[in-house]
Amino acid sequence: MAKTAMFLAGMFFGGAIDHVILAAAGRTETPYGLHSGVTGNWALAALDLAVAGACWAAHRALERRRAMTG
């Protein structure tokens, strides 16, 4: 489960980078071709970053618990 959380953290972090690049370039489409506006891309970048952070925190907690239990 810890490795899955780390994989998902990386996937969502990559999505955040995609949204930031598109927003900085002034693009109104998401990487998936949906129209969200520039502000929408910034918001989606923030959401992806929050999910990535939560997945990373879950990974860390699961790894610590595994280390304590042996």
N, C-alpha and C. Protein backbone atom coordinates (compact mmCIF):
# COMPACT_ATOMS: atom_id res chain seq x y z
N MET A 1 0.82 -1.19 0.00
CA MET A 1 0.00 0.00 0.00
C MET A 1 0.87 1.27 0.00
N ALA A 2 1.99 1.21 0.71
CA ALA A 2 2.88 2.37 0.76
C ALA A 2 3.45 2.68 -0.62
N LYS A 3 3.79 1.66 -1.36
CA LYS A 3 4.35 1.88 -2.70
C LYS A 3 3.29 2.43 -3.65
N THR A 4 2.06 2.00 -3.49
CA THR A 4 0.96 2.52 -4.30
C THR A 4 0.75 4.00 -4.00
N ALA A 5 0.81 4.36 -2.72
CA ALA A 5 0.66 5.77 -2.34
C ALA A 5 1.77 6.61 -2.95
N MET A 6 2.99 6.09 -2.96
CA MET A 6 4.11 6.83 -3.54
C MET A 6 3.94 6.98 -5.05
N PHE A 7 3.48 5.93 -5.71
CA PHE A 7 3.22 5.99 -7.15
C PHE A 7 2.17 7.05 -7.45
N LEU A 8 1.09 7.06 -6.69
CA LEU A 8 0.02 8.04 -6.92
C LEU A 8 0.50 9.46 -6.64
N ALA A 9 1.36 9.62 -5.63
CA ALA A 9 1.92 10.94 -5.35
C ALA A 9 2.69 11.45 -6.57
N GLY A 10 3.49 10.60 -7.16
CA GLY A 10 4.25 10.99 -8.34
C GLY A 10 3.35 11.31 -9.52
N MET A 11 2.31 10.52 -9.68
CA MET A 11 1.40 10.73 -10.80
C MET A 11 0.68 12.08 -10.66
N PHE A 12 0.18 12.38 -9.46
CA PHE A 12 -0.52 13.64 -9.26
C PHE A 12 0.44 14.83 -9.30
N PHE A 13 1.68 14.64 -8.84
CA PHE A 13 2.66 15.72 -8.93
C PHE A 13 2.96 16.04 -10.39
N GLY A 14 3.06 15.01 -11.21
CA GLY A 14 3.26 15.23 -12.65
C GLY A 14 2.09 15.97 -13.26
N GLY A 15 0.89 15.65 -12.83
CA GLY A 15 -0.29 16.36 -13.31
C GLY A 15 -0.27 17.83 -12.92
N ALA A 16 0.20 18.09 -11.69
CA ALA A 16 0.31 19.48 -11.24
C ALA A 16 1.29 20.25 -12.12
N ILE A 17 2.39 19.63 -12.46
CA ILE A 17 3.37 20.28 -13.34
C ILE A 17 2.75 20.57 -14.70
N ASP A 18 2.01 19.62 -15.24
CA ASP A 18 1.34 19.84 -16.53
C ASP A 18 0.43 21.06 -16.47
N HIS A 19 -0.39 21.15 -15.41
CA HIS A 19 -1.33 22.27 -15.28
C HIS A 19 -0.59 23.59 -15.12
N VAL A 20 0.50 23.61 -14.36
CA VAL A 20 1.27 24.84 -14.18
C VAL A 20 1.86 25.30 -15.51
N ILE A 21 2.41 24.39 -16.27
CA ILE A 21 2.99 24.75 -17.57
C ILE A 21 1.93 25.35 -18.48
N LEU A 22 0.76 24.72 -18.54
CA LEU A 22 -0.30 25.24 -19.40
C LEU A 22 -0.81 26.58 -18.91
N ALA A 23 -0.97 26.73 -17.59
CA ALA A 23 -1.45 28.00 -17.04
C ALA A 23 -0.44 29.12 -17.29
N ALA A 24 0.83 28.82 -17.09
CA ALA A 24 1.87 29.83 -17.31
C ALA A 24 1.94 30.25 -18.78
N ALA A 25 1.61 29.33 -19.66
CA ALA A 25 1.61 29.64 -21.09
C ALA A 25 0.32 30.33 -21.54
N GLY A 26 -0.63 30.47 -20.61
CA GLY A 26 -1.89 31.14 -20.95
C GLY A 26 -2.89 30.25 -21.66
N ARG A 27 -2.68 28.94 -21.60
CA ARG A 27 -3.59 28.01 -22.28
C ARG A 27 -4.86 27.82 -21.46
N THR A 28 -5.97 27.67 -22.14
CA THR A 28 -7.26 27.50 -21.46
C THR A 28 -7.71 26.06 -21.41
N GLU A 29 -6.98 25.16 -22.05
CA GLU A 29 -7.34 23.74 -22.05
C GLU A 29 -6.49 22.99 -21.02
N THR A 30 -7.07 21.94 -20.49
CA THR A 30 -6.33 21.05 -19.59
C THR A 30 -5.50 20.09 -20.45
N PRO A 31 -4.62 19.31 -19.82
CA PRO A 31 -3.87 18.32 -20.61
C PRO A 31 -4.78 17.28 -21.27
N TYR A 32 -6.03 17.21 -20.81
CA TYR A 32 -6.99 16.23 -21.34
C TYR A 32 -7.89 16.81 -22.41
N GLY A 33 -7.65 18.08 -22.78
CA GLY A 33 -8.43 18.71 -23.82
C GLY A 33 -9.71 19.38 -23.35
N LEU A 34 -9.95 19.42 -22.06
CA LEU A 34 -11.14 20.08 -21.52
C LEU A 34 -10.88 21.57 -21.37
N HIS A 35 -11.89 22.39 -21.56
CA HIS A 35 -11.73 23.83 -21.42
C HIS A 35 -11.98 24.21 -19.96
N SER A 36 -10.94 24.73 -19.30
CA SER A 36 -11.09 25.12 -17.90
C SER A 36 -10.66 26.56 -17.67
N GLY A 37 -10.05 27.19 -18.64
CA GLY A 37 -9.54 28.53 -18.47
C GLY A 37 -8.18 28.49 -17.78
N VAL A 38 -7.49 29.60 -17.81
CA VAL A 38 -6.18 29.69 -17.18
C VAL A 38 -6.34 29.53 -15.67
N THR A 39 -7.33 30.19 -15.10
CA THR A 39 -7.57 30.08 -13.66
C THR A 39 -7.91 28.65 -13.28
N GLY A 40 -8.63 27.96 -14.12
CA GLY A 40 -8.95 26.56 -13.87
C GLY A 40 -7.71 25.69 -13.85
N ASN A 41 -6.77 25.97 -14.75
CA ASN A 41 -5.52 25.21 -14.74
C ASN A 41 -4.73 25.46 -13.46
N TRP A 42 -4.72 26.72 -12.98
CA TRP A 42 -4.04 26.99 -11.71
C TRP A 42 -4.73 26.24 -10.57
N ALA A 43 -6.06 26.25 -10.57
CA ALA A 43 -6.81 25.56 -9.52
C ALA A 43 -6.57 24.04 -9.57
N LEU A 44 -6.56 23.49 -10.77
CA LEU A 44 -6.31 22.06 -10.91
C LEU A 44 -4.88 21.70 -10.51
N ALA A 45 -3.95 22.60 -10.76
CA ALA A 45 -2.56 22.39 -10.32
C ALA A 45 -2.52 22.33 -8.79
N ALA A 46 -3.22 23.24 -8.15
CA ALA A 46 -3.26 23.25 -6.68
C ALA A 46 -3.92 21.98 -6.14
N LEU A 47 -5.00 21.56 -6.78
CA LEU A 47 -5.68 20.34 -6.35
C LEU A 47 -4.78 19.12 -6.52
N ASP A 48 -4.14 19.01 -7.67
CA ASP A 48 -3.22 17.90 -7.90
C ASP A 48 -2.08 17.91 -6.89
N LEU A 49 -1.56 19.09 -6.58
CA LEU A 49 -0.47 19.20 -5.61
C LEU A 49 -0.95 18.78 -4.21
N ALA A 50 -2.16 19.14 -3.85
CA ALA A 50 -2.71 18.74 -2.55
C ALA A 50 -2.89 17.22 -2.47
N VAL A 51 -3.40 16.62 -3.53
CA VAL A 51 -3.57 15.17 -3.56
C VAL A 51 -2.21 14.47 -3.52
N ALA A 52 -1.24 15.01 -4.26
CA ALA A 52 0.11 14.44 -4.24
C ALA A 52 0.69 14.51 -2.84
N GLY A 53 0.50 15.63 -2.16
CA GLY A 53 0.99 15.77 -0.79
C GLY A 53 0.32 14.79 0.16
N ALA A 54 -0.96 14.59 0.00
CA ALA A 54 -1.68 13.64 0.85
C ALA A 54 -1.20 12.21 0.60
N CYS A 55 -0.98 11.87 -0.66
CA CYS A 55 -0.47 10.53 -0.98
C CYS A 55 0.94 10.33 -0.45
N TRP A 56 1.77 11.37 -0.53
CA TRP A 56 3.13 11.27 -0.01
C TRP A 56 3.11 11.11 1.51
N ALA A 57 2.23 11.87 2.18
CA ALA A 57 2.10 11.75 3.63
C ALA A 57 1.62 10.34 4.02
N ALA A 58 0.70 9.80 3.25
CA ALA A 58 0.24 8.43 3.51
C ALA A 58 1.37 7.44 3.33
N HIS A 59 2.16 7.63 2.29
CA HIS A 59 3.32 6.77 2.06
C HIS A 59 4.26 6.81 3.26
N ARG A 60 4.57 8.02 3.73
CA ARG A 60 5.49 8.16 4.87
C ARG A 60 4.93 7.49 6.12
N ALA A 61 3.64 7.68 6.38
CA ALA A 61 3.02 7.08 7.56
C ALA A 61 3.04 5.56 7.47
N LEU A 62 2.73 5.03 6.30
CA LEU A 62 2.73 3.58 6.13
C LEU A 62 4.13 3.00 6.26
N GLU A 63 5.12 3.71 5.73
CA GLU A 63 6.51 3.24 5.85
C GLU A 63 6.98 3.27 7.30
N ARG A 64 6.61 4.32 8.04
CA ARG A 64 6.98 4.39 9.46
C ARG A 64 6.34 3.26 10.26
N ARG A 65 5.05 3.01 9.97
CA ARG A 65 4.35 1.95 10.69
C ARG A 65 5.01 0.60 10.38
N ARG A 66 5.40 0.40 9.13
CA ARG A 66 6.05 -0.87 8.74
C ARG A 66 7.41 -1.00 9.45
N ALA A 67 8.13 0.11 9.57
CA ALA A 67 9.44 0.08 10.22
C ALA A 67 9.30 -0.23 11.72
N MET A 68 8.23 0.25 12.34
CA MET A 68 8.02 0.01 13.78
C MET A 68 7.61 -1.43 14.07
N THR A 69 6.85 -2.01 13.16
CA THR A 69 6.35 -3.36 13.39
C THR A 69 7.34 -4.41 12.91
N GLY A 70 8.30 -3.98 12.13
CA GLY A 70 9.34 -4.90 11.68
C GLY A 70 8.94 -5.63 10.50
